[in-house]
């Protein structure tokens, strides 16, 4: 295959290898480590999600490329250390997908989500996990990790019968926040409140992380309108003036659809 016929993926792998060359590569790329690159990997994943949220397909293409670069970067560093290469990463995920879908790739009679969870449980056992909570990564956003922990426990029967349980727990946690006597106690109780809110969202079939993201987006939209509408510096506004502008911004956005 000539240079002009090189696949886009092979081209990207070659670019990363050249950037990482300790003698002739990029002075920044060549000295990075797994630890220094990991934050960029997380950031790029969020930027992919942001492009999806905005329905921006051109930006999504670019952000997926940035995320792919992160995979290539980690794989190249692992290859340099003699652990694995990009091809091993691709082979491992291919093996995993086929293993978790035996009803599609292996002709198993029964499949679906139940079988997926069974195979995942077998994989966790093979890794030496002893708790159903093992393997929920610490790097997840806090709300998403809480949801995953709750789902794991719920599958074993540790769950409220319906949404009334976590709803009552929210009232209980608010009362405990009010009764807290130290900052440490108050922090713990607020954490319990957030955990209960995630539980309530889960019982309503909602994603707490997505719900908070959407709420933050709405706040940002409304506050930007306040900035545009205010006739004096925002810090000079009274709470009543802020409230009036807030209601106006909310109405304008509702009318705009």
C-alpha atoms as a PDB file:
ATOM      1  CA  UNK A   1       0.000   0.000   0.000  1.00  0.00           C
ATOM      2  CA  UNK A   2       1.447   3.355  -1.014  1.00  0.00           C
ATOM      3  CA  UNK A   3       1.467   6.451   1.184  1.00  0.00           C
ATOM      4  CA  UNK A   4      -1.545   7.800  -0.687  1.00  0.00           C
ATOM      5  CA  UNK A   5      -3.381   4.505  -0.061  1.00  0.00           C
ATOM      6  CA  UNK A   6      -2.681   4.370   3.660  1.00  0.00           C
ATOM      7  CA  UNK A   7      -5.879   3.969   5.666  1.00  0.00           C
ATOM      8  CA  UNK A   8      -6.885   6.959   7.795  1.00  0.00           C
ATOM      9  CA  UNK A   9      -6.354   4.906  10.958  1.00  0.00           C
ATOM     10  CA  UNK A  10      -2.890   3.723   9.912  1.00  0.00           C
ATOM     11  CA  UNK A  11      -2.037   7.328   9.071  1.00  0.00           C
ATOM     12  CA  UNK A  12      -3.116   8.443  12.545  1.00  0.00           C
ATOM     13  CA  UNK A  13      -1.095   5.686  14.208  1.00  0.00           C
ATOM     14  CA  UNK A  14       1.970   6.721  12.191  1.00  0.00           C
ATOM     15  CA  UNK A  15       1.484  10.365  13.139  1.00  0.00           C
ATOM     16  CA  UNK A  16       1.356   9.470  16.831  1.00  0.00           C
ATOM     17  CA  UNK A  17       4.456   7.294  16.547  1.00  0.00           C
ATOM     18  CA  UNK A  18       6.318  10.190  14.955  1.00  0.00           C
ATOM     19  CA  UNK A  19       5.095  12.687  17.560  1.00  0.00           C
ATOM     20  CA  UNK A  20       6.256  10.351  20.341  1.00  0.00           C
ATOM     21  CA  UNK A  21       9.735   9.800  18.907  1.00  0.00           C
ATOM     22  CA  UNK A  22      12.103  10.813  21.728  1.00  0.00           C
ATOM     23  CA  UNK A  23      14.716  12.193  19.330  1.00  0.00           C
ATOM     24  CA  UNK A  24      12.732  13.836  16.520  1.00  0.00           C
ATOM     25  CA  UNK A  25       9.200  14.028  17.878  1.00  0.00           C
ATOM     26  CA  UNK A  26       7.165  16.830  19.408  1.00  0.00           C
ATOM     27  CA  UNK A  27       8.671  18.263  22.585  1.00  0.00           C
ATOM     28  CA  UNK A  28       5.241  18.114  24.272  1.00  0.00           C
ATOM     29  CA  UNK A  29       3.784  14.836  22.979  1.00  0.00           C
ATOM     30  CA  UNK A  30       7.003  12.889  23.478  1.00  0.00           C
ATOM     31  CA  UNK A  31       7.178  13.500  27.236  1.00  0.00           C
ATOM     32  CA  UNK A  32       3.567  12.813  28.172  1.00  0.00           C
ATOM     33  CA  UNK A  33       2.540   9.911  30.421  1.00  0.00           C
ATOM     34  CA  UNK A  34      -0.689   8.023  31.096  1.00  0.00           C
ATOM     35  CA  UNK A  35      -1.301  10.241  34.111  1.00  0.00           C
ATOM     36  CA  UNK A  36      -0.793  13.514  32.256  1.00  0.00           C
ATOM     37  CA  UNK A  37      -2.947  12.474  29.296  1.00  0.00           C
ATOM     38  CA  UNK A  38      -5.862  10.993  31.290  1.00  0.00           C
ATOM     39  CA  UNK A  39      -7.431  14.411  32.112  1.00  0.00           C
ATOM     40  CA  UNK A  40      -7.472  15.275  28.404  1.00  0.00           C
ATOM     41  CA  UNK A  41      -9.171  11.951  27.668  1.00  0.00           C
ATOM     42  CA  UNK A  42     -11.945  12.778  30.121  1.00  0.00           C
ATOM     43  CA  UNK A  43     -12.280  16.298  28.723  1.00  0.00           C
ATOM     44  CA  UNK A  44     -12.588  15.027  25.148  1.00  0.00           C
ATOM     45  CA  UNK A  45     -15.320  12.567  26.160  1.00  0.00           C
ATOM     46  CA  UNK A  46     -17.290  15.449  27.659  1.00  0.00           C
ATOM     47  CA  UNK A  47     -16.811  17.481  24.494  1.00  0.00           C
ATOM     48  CA  UNK A  48     -18.247  14.606  22.453  1.00  0.00           C
ATOM     49  CA  UNK A  49     -21.281  14.594  24.753  1.00  0.00           C
ATOM     50  CA  UNK A  50     -21.590  18.364  24.389  1.00  0.00           C
ATOM     51  CA  UNK A  51     -21.627  18.146  20.585  1.00  0.00           C
ATOM     52  CA  UNK A  52     -24.332  15.478  20.781  1.00  0.00           C
ATOM     53  CA  UNK A  53     -26.362  17.659  23.143  1.00  0.00           C
ATOM     54  CA  UNK A  54     -26.111  20.560  20.674  1.00  0.00           C
ATOM     55  CA  UNK A  55     -26.925  18.314  17.671  1.00  0.00           C
ATOM     56  CA  UNK A  56     -23.824  19.699  15.941  1.00  0.00           C
ATOM     57  CA  UNK A  57     -22.726  16.945  13.575  1.00  0.00           C
ATOM     58  CA  UNK A  58     -19.736  18.842  12.181  1.00  0.00           C
ATOM     59  CA  UNK A  59     -18.435  19.446  15.691  1.00  0.00           C
ATOM     60  CA  UNK A  60     -19.248  15.863  16.674  1.00  0.00           C
ATOM     61  CA  UNK A  61     -17.009  14.612  13.848  1.00  0.00           C
ATOM     62  CA  UNK A  62     -14.149  16.767  15.138  1.00  0.00           C
ATOM     63  CA  UNK A  63     -14.680  15.809  18.764  1.00  0.00           C
ATOM     64  CA  UNK A  64     -14.828  12.091  17.949  1.00  0.00           C
ATOM     65  CA  UNK A  65     -11.509  12.556  16.190  1.00  0.00           C
ATOM     66  CA  UNK A  66     -10.071  14.206  19.296  1.00  0.00           C
ATOM     67  CA  UNK A  67     -11.353  11.324  21.413  1.00  0.00           C
ATOM     68  CA  UNK A  68      -9.908   8.749  19.009  1.00  0.00           C
ATOM     69  CA  UNK A  69      -6.576  10.542  19.270  1.00  0.00           C
ATOM     70  CA  UNK A  70      -6.691   9.974  23.020  1.00  0.00           C
ATOM     71  CA  UNK A  71      -7.134   6.223  22.502  1.00  0.00           C
ATOM     72  CA  UNK A  72      -4.268   6.196  20.024  1.00  0.00           C
ATOM     73  CA  UNK A  73      -2.116   8.213  22.447  1.00  0.00           C
ATOM     74  CA  UNK A  74      -2.653   5.783  25.342  1.00  0.00           C
ATOM     75  CA  UNK A  75      -2.149   2.761  23.096  1.00  0.00           C
ATOM     76  CA  UNK A  76       1.108   4.184  21.735  1.00  0.00           C
ATOM     77  CA  UNK A  77       2.492   4.775  25.229  1.00  0.00           C
ATOM     78  CA  UNK A  78       1.486   1.241  26.224  1.00  0.00           C
ATOM     79  CA  UNK A  79       3.197  -0.155  23.128  1.00  0.00           C
ATOM     80  CA  UNK A  80       6.386   1.756  23.953  1.00  0.00           C
ATOM     81  CA  UNK A  81       6.355   0.177  27.427  1.00  0.00           C
ATOM     82  CA  UNK A  82       5.780  -3.301  25.990  1.00  0.00           C
ATOM     83  CA  UNK A  83       2.237  -3.760  27.331  1.00  0.00           C
ATOM     84  CA  UNK A  84      -0.055  -3.755  24.275  1.00  0.00           C
ATOM     85  CA  UNK A  85      -0.639  -1.929  20.987  1.00  0.00           C
ATOM     86  CA  UNK A  86      -3.646  -0.302  19.336  1.00  0.00           C
ATOM     87  CA  UNK A  87      -4.472  -3.530  17.481  1.00  0.00           C
ATOM     88  CA  UNK A  88      -4.722  -5.303  20.834  1.00  0.00           C
ATOM     89  CA  UNK A  89      -7.170  -2.660  22.068  1.00  0.00           C
ATOM     90  CA  UNK A  90      -9.359  -3.133  18.984  1.00  0.00           C
ATOM     91  CA  UNK A  91      -9.152  -6.929  19.282  1.00  0.00           C
ATOM     92  CA  UNK A  92     -10.062  -6.830  22.974  1.00  0.00           C
ATOM     93  CA  UNK A  93     -13.201  -4.751  22.466  1.00  0.00           C
ATOM     94  CA  UNK A  94     -14.214  -6.895  19.475  1.00  0.00           C
ATOM     95  CA  UNK A  95     -13.840 -10.035  21.579  1.00  0.00           C
ATOM     96  CA  UNK A  96     -15.846  -8.429  24.372  1.00  0.00           C
ATOM     97  CA  UNK A  97     -18.726  -7.396  22.114  1.00  0.00           C
ATOM     98  CA  UNK A  98     -18.964 -10.870  20.597  1.00  0.00           C
ATOM     99  CA  UNK A  99     -18.762 -12.482  24.033  1.00  0.00           C
ATOM    100  CA  UNK A 100     -21.517 -10.250  25.437  1.00  0.00           C
ATOM    101  CA  UNK A 101     -23.842 -10.914  22.486  1.00  0.00           C
ATOM    102  CA  UNK A 102     -23.771 -14.716  22.150  1.00  0.00           C
ATOM    103  CA  UNK A 103     -27.350 -14.696  20.817  1.00  0.00           C
ATOM    104  CA  UNK A 104     -26.071 -12.714  17.814  1.00  0.00           C
ATOM    105  CA  UNK A 105     -22.558 -14.036  17.224  1.00  0.00           C
ATOM    106  CA  UNK A 106     -22.682 -17.548  18.717  1.00  0.00           C
ATOM    107  CA  UNK A 107     -26.232 -18.679  18.032  1.00  0.00           C
ATOM    108  CA  UNK A 108     -27.329 -18.793  21.666  1.00  0.00           C
ATOM    109  CA  UNK A 109     -31.060 -19.406  22.065  1.00  0.00           C
ATOM    110  CA  UNK A 110     -31.689 -16.608  24.559  1.00  0.00           C
ATOM    111  CA  UNK A 111     -30.148 -13.181  24.702  1.00  0.00           C
ATOM    112  CA  UNK A 112     -30.903  -9.562  25.373  1.00  0.00           C
ATOM    113  CA  UNK A 113     -30.064  -7.421  28.358  1.00  0.00           C
ATOM    114  CA  UNK A 114     -30.377 -10.262  30.887  1.00  0.00           C
ATOM    115  CA  UNK A 115     -27.706 -12.320  29.140  1.00  0.00           C
ATOM    116  CA  UNK A 116     -25.511  -9.194  28.765  1.00  0.00           C
ATOM    117  CA  UNK A 117     -25.582  -8.713  32.535  1.00  0.00           C
ATOM    118  CA  UNK A 118     -24.879 -12.405  33.124  1.00  0.00           C
ATOM    119  CA  UNK A 119     -21.798 -12.303  30.906  1.00  0.00           C
ATOM    120  CA  UNK A 120     -20.604  -9.091  32.582  1.00  0.00           C
ATOM    121  CA  UNK A 121     -21.010 -10.759  35.986  1.00  0.00           C
ATOM    122  CA  UNK A 122     -18.911 -13.702  34.787  1.00  0.00           C
ATOM    123  CA  UNK A 123     -16.250 -11.282  33.550  1.00  0.00           C
ATOM    124  CA  UNK A 124     -16.167  -9.519  36.944  1.00  0.00           C
ATOM    125  CA  UNK A 125     -15.806 -12.874  38.693  1.00  0.00           C
ATOM    126  CA  UNK A 126     -12.930 -13.801  36.389  1.00  0.00           C
ATOM    127  CA  UNK A 127     -11.189 -10.569  37.419  1.00  0.00           C
ATOM    128  CA  UNK A 128     -11.467 -11.537  41.073  1.00  0.00           C
ATOM    129  CA  UNK A 129     -14.265  -9.163  41.981  1.00  0.00           C
ATOM    130  CA  UNK A 130     -16.017 -10.322  45.133  1.00  0.00           C
ATOM    131  CA  UNK A 131     -18.641  -7.579  45.490  1.00  0.00           C
ATOM    132  CA  UNK A 132     -21.353  -6.674  43.003  1.00  0.00           C
ATOM    133  CA  UNK A 133     -20.097  -3.101  43.471  1.00  0.00           C
ATOM    134  CA  UNK A 134     -16.558  -3.904  42.325  1.00  0.00           C
ATOM    135  CA  UNK A 135     -15.520  -2.404  39.019  1.00  0.00           C
ATOM    136  CA  UNK A 136     -17.629   0.781  39.126  1.00  0.00           C
ATOM    137  CA  UNK A 137     -14.902   3.236  38.188  1.00  0.00           C
ATOM    138  CA  UNK A 138     -13.976   6.012  40.568  1.00  0.00           C
ATOM    139  CA  UNK A 139     -13.409   8.328  37.612  1.00  0.00           C
ATOM    140  CA  UNK A 140     -17.099   8.647  36.763  1.00  0.00           C
ATOM    141  CA  UNK A 141     -18.970  11.877  37.538  1.00  0.00           C
ATOM    142  CA  UNK A 142     -20.371  11.595  41.059  1.00  0.00           C
ATOM    143  CA  UNK A 143     -24.045  11.483  40.027  1.00  0.00           C
ATOM    144  CA  UNK A 144     -23.418   8.842  37.381  1.00  0.00           C
ATOM    145  CA  UNK A 145     -21.341   6.706  39.747  1.00  0.00           C
ATOM    146  CA  UNK A 146     -24.073   6.936  42.397  1.00  0.00           C
ATOM    147  CA  UNK A 147     -26.616   5.740  39.828  1.00  0.00           C
ATOM    148  CA  UNK A 148     -24.448   2.792  38.804  1.00  0.00           C
ATOM    149  CA  UNK A 149     -23.841   1.796  42.426  1.00  0.00           C
ATOM    150  CA  UNK A 150     -27.576   1.976  43.127  1.00  0.00           C
ATOM    151  CA  UNK A 151     -28.393  -0.092  40.032  1.00  0.00           C
ATOM    152  CA  UNK A 152     -25.914  -2.785  41.075  1.00  0.00           C
ATOM    153  CA  UNK A 153     -27.475  -2.998  44.549  1.00  0.00           C
ATOM    154  CA  UNK A 154     -31.009  -2.894  43.119  1.00  0.00           C
ATOM    155  CA  UNK A 155     -30.330  -5.930  40.930  1.00  0.00           C
ATOM    156  CA  UNK A 156     -29.599  -7.851  44.127  1.00  0.00           C
ATOM    157  CA  UNK A 157     -32.904  -6.731  45.680  1.00  0.00           C
ATOM    158  CA  UNK A 158     -31.636  -3.785  47.769  1.00  0.00           C
ATOM    159  CA  UNK A 159     -33.995  -1.073  46.557  1.00  0.00           C
ATOM    160  CA  UNK A 160     -37.120   0.882  47.378  1.00  0.00           C
ATOM    161  CA  UNK A 161     -40.394  -0.621  46.151  1.00  0.00           C
ATOM    162  CA  UNK A 162     -41.289   2.603  44.335  1.00  0.00           C
ATOM    163  CA  UNK A 163     -40.428   6.304  44.088  1.00  0.00           C
ATOM    164  CA  UNK A 164     -42.166   7.071  47.398  1.00  0.00           C
ATOM    165  CA  UNK A 165     -39.188   5.607  49.277  1.00  0.00           C
ATOM    166  CA  UNK A 166     -36.455   7.912  47.947  1.00  0.00           C
ATOM    167  CA  UNK A 167     -38.895  10.842  47.991  1.00  0.00           C
ATOM    168  CA  UNK A 168     -39.432  10.404  51.733  1.00  0.00           C
ATOM    169  CA  UNK A 169     -35.687   9.957  52.190  1.00  0.00           C
ATOM    170  CA  UNK A 170     -35.126  13.376  50.616  1.00  0.00           C
ATOM    171  CA  UNK A 171     -37.287  15.020  53.277  1.00  0.00           C
ATOM    172  CA  UNK A 172     -35.397  13.095  55.959  1.00  0.00           C
ATOM    173  CA  UNK A 173     -32.011  14.193  54.616  1.00  0.00           C
ATOM    174  CA  UNK A 174     -33.079  17.857  54.424  1.00  0.00           C
ATOM    175  CA  UNK A 175     -34.108  17.688  58.078  1.00  0.00           C
ATOM    176  CA  UNK A 176     -30.718  16.195  58.950  1.00  0.00           C
ATOM    177  CA  UNK A 177     -28.958  19.010  57.079  1.00  0.00           C
ATOM    178  CA  UNK A 178     -30.898  21.514  59.185  1.00  0.00           C
ATOM    179  CA  UNK A 179     -29.920  19.646  62.355  1.00  0.00           C
ATOM    180  CA  UNK A 180     -26.222  19.332  61.459  1.00  0.00           C
ATOM    181  CA  UNK A 181     -23.954  21.113  63.933  1.00  0.00           C
ATOM    182  CA  UNK A 182     -20.604  21.122  62.126  1.00  0.00           C
ATOM    183  CA  UNK A 183     -19.462  21.742  58.544  1.00  0.00           C
ATOM    184  CA  UNK A 184     -18.353  18.100  58.291  1.00  0.00           C
ATOM    185  CA  UNK A 185     -21.782  16.854  59.398  1.00  0.00           C
ATOM    186  CA  UNK A 186     -23.496  19.238  56.993  1.00  0.00           C
ATOM    187  CA  UNK A 187     -21.304  18.083  54.107  1.00  0.00           C
ATOM    188  CA  UNK A 188     -22.112  14.446  54.852  1.00  0.00           C
ATOM    189  CA  UNK A 189     -25.834  15.120  55.000  1.00  0.00           C
ATOM    190  CA  UNK A 190     -25.789  17.104  51.750  1.00  0.00           C
ATOM    191  CA  UNK A 191     -24.007  14.145  50.171  1.00  0.00           C
ATOM    192  CA  UNK A 192     -26.759  11.854  51.450  1.00  0.00           C
ATOM    193  CA  UNK A 193     -29.353  14.255  50.010  1.00  0.00           C
ATOM    194  CA  UNK A 194     -27.719  14.190  46.574  1.00  0.00           C
ATOM    195  CA  UNK A 195     -27.511  10.395  46.704  1.00  0.00           C
ATOM    196  CA  UNK A 196     -31.240  10.268  47.506  1.00  0.00           C
ATOM    197  CA  UNK A 197     -32.043  12.629  44.627  1.00  0.00           C
ATOM    198  CA  UNK A 198     -30.193  10.277  42.269  1.00  0.00           C
ATOM    199  CA  UNK A 199     -32.268   7.430  43.686  1.00  0.00           C
ATOM    200  CA  UNK A 200     -35.491   9.357  43.061  1.00  0.00           C
ATOM    201  CA  UNK A 201     -34.459  10.127  39.478  1.00  0.00           C
ATOM    202  CA  UNK A 202     -33.609   6.456  38.921  1.00  0.00           C
ATOM    203  CA  UNK A 203     -37.042   5.362  40.134  1.00  0.00           C
ATOM    204  CA  UNK A 204     -38.623   7.739  37.643  1.00  0.00           C
ATOM    205  CA  UNK A 205     -36.466   6.287  34.857  1.00  0.00           C
ATOM    206  CA  UNK A 206     -34.438   9.483  34.573  1.00  0.00           C
ATOM    207  CA  UNK A 207     -30.698  10.115  34.328  1.00  0.00           C
ATOM    208  CA  UNK A 208     -29.745  12.456  37.182  1.00  0.00           C
ATOM    209  CA  UNK A 209     -26.536  13.504  35.441  1.00  0.00           C
ATOM    210  CA  UNK A 210     -28.435  14.480  32.292  1.00  0.00           C
ATOM    211  CA  UNK A 211     -31.131  16.206  34.329  1.00  0.00           C
ATOM    212  CA  UNK A 212     -28.569  18.345  36.154  1.00  0.00           C
ATOM    213  CA  UNK A 213     -26.773  19.136  32.908  1.00  0.00           C
ATOM    214  CA  UNK A 214     -30.054  20.306  31.391  1.00  0.00           C
ATOM    215  CA  UNK A 215     -30.934  22.360  34.473  1.00  0.00           C
ATOM    216  CA  UNK A 216     -27.539  24.055  34.358  1.00  0.00           C
ATOM    217  CA  UNK A 217     -28.031  24.798  30.665  1.00  0.00           C
ATOM    218  CA  UNK A 218     -31.419  26.411  31.385  1.00  0.00           C
ATOM    219  CA  UNK A 219     -29.921  28.494  34.178  1.00  0.00           C
ATOM    220  CA  UNK A 220     -27.116  29.632  31.882  1.00  0.00           C
ATOM    221  CA  UNK A 221     -29.570  30.643  29.139  1.00  0.00           C
ATOM    222  CA  UNK A 222     -31.726  32.626  31.553  1.00  0.00           C
ATOM    223  CA  UNK A 223     -28.791  34.314  33.256  1.00  0.00           C
ATOM    224  CA  UNK A 224     -27.325  35.390  29.922  1.00  0.00           C
ATOM    225  CA  UNK A 225     -30.654  37.054  29.111  1.00  0.00           C
ATOM    226  CA  UNK A 226     -30.532  38.841  32.466  1.00  0.00           C
ATOM    227  CA  UNK A 227     -27.075  40.127  31.564  1.00  0.00           C
ATOM    228  CA  UNK A 228     -28.461  41.465  28.297  1.00  0.00           C
ATOM    229  CA  UNK A 229     -31.570  43.031  29.876  1.00  0.00           C
ATOM    230  CA  UNK A 230     -30.182  44.609  33.026  1.00  0.00           C
ATOM    231  CA  UNK A 231     -29.926  48.393  32.883  1.00  0.00           C
ATOM    232  CA  UNK A 232     -27.276  48.588  35.583  1.00  0.00           C
ATOM    233  CA  UNK A 233     -24.383  46.407  36.798  1.00  0.00           C
ATOM    234  CA  UNK A 234     -25.652  43.024  37.957  1.00  0.00           C
ATOM    235  CA  UNK A 235     -23.998  43.325  41.355  1.00  0.00           C
ATOM    236  CA  UNK A 236     -26.089  46.457  41.961  1.00  0.00           C
ATOM    237  CA  UNK A 237     -29.386  44.653  41.383  1.00  0.00           C
ATOM    238  CA  UNK A 238     -31.614  43.964  44.357  1.00  0.00           C
ATOM    239  CA  UNK A 239     -32.994  40.453  44.835  1.00  0.00           C
ATOM    240  CA  UNK A 240     -36.416  41.716  43.743  1.00  0.00           C
ATOM    241  CA  UNK A 241     -34.933  43.184  40.563  1.00  0.00           C
ATOM    242  CA  UNK A 242     -33.054  39.945  39.907  1.00  0.00           C
ATOM    243  CA  UNK A 243     -36.263  37.973  40.420  1.00  0.00           C
ATOM    244  CA  UNK A 244     -38.195  40.191  37.981  1.00  0.00           C
ATOM    245  CA  UNK A 245     -35.516  39.836  35.314  1.00  0.00           C
ATOM    246  CA  UNK A 246     -35.350  36.091  35.952  1.00  0.00           C
ATOM    247  CA  UNK A 247     -39.103  35.717  35.390  1.00  0.00           C
ATOM    248  CA  UNK A 248     -38.841  37.804  32.229  1.00  0.00           C
ATOM    249  CA  UNK A 249     -35.966  35.674  30.902  1.00  0.00           C
ATOM    250  CA  UNK A 250     -37.856  32.464  31.700  1.00  0.00           C
ATOM    251  CA  UNK A 251     -40.935  33.739  29.859  1.00  0.00           C
ATOM    252  CA  UNK A 252     -38.882  34.807  26.814  1.00  0.00           C
ATOM    253  CA  UNK A 253     -37.259  31.391  26.526  1.00  0.00           C
ATOM    254  CA  UNK A 254     -40.608  29.644  26.938  1.00  0.00           C
ATOM    255  CA  UNK A 255     -42.126  31.771  24.186  1.00  0.00           C
ATOM    256  CA  UNK A 256     -39.172  30.999  21.904  1.00  0.00           C
ATOM    257  CA  UNK A 257     -39.831  27.298  22.376  1.00  0.00           C
END
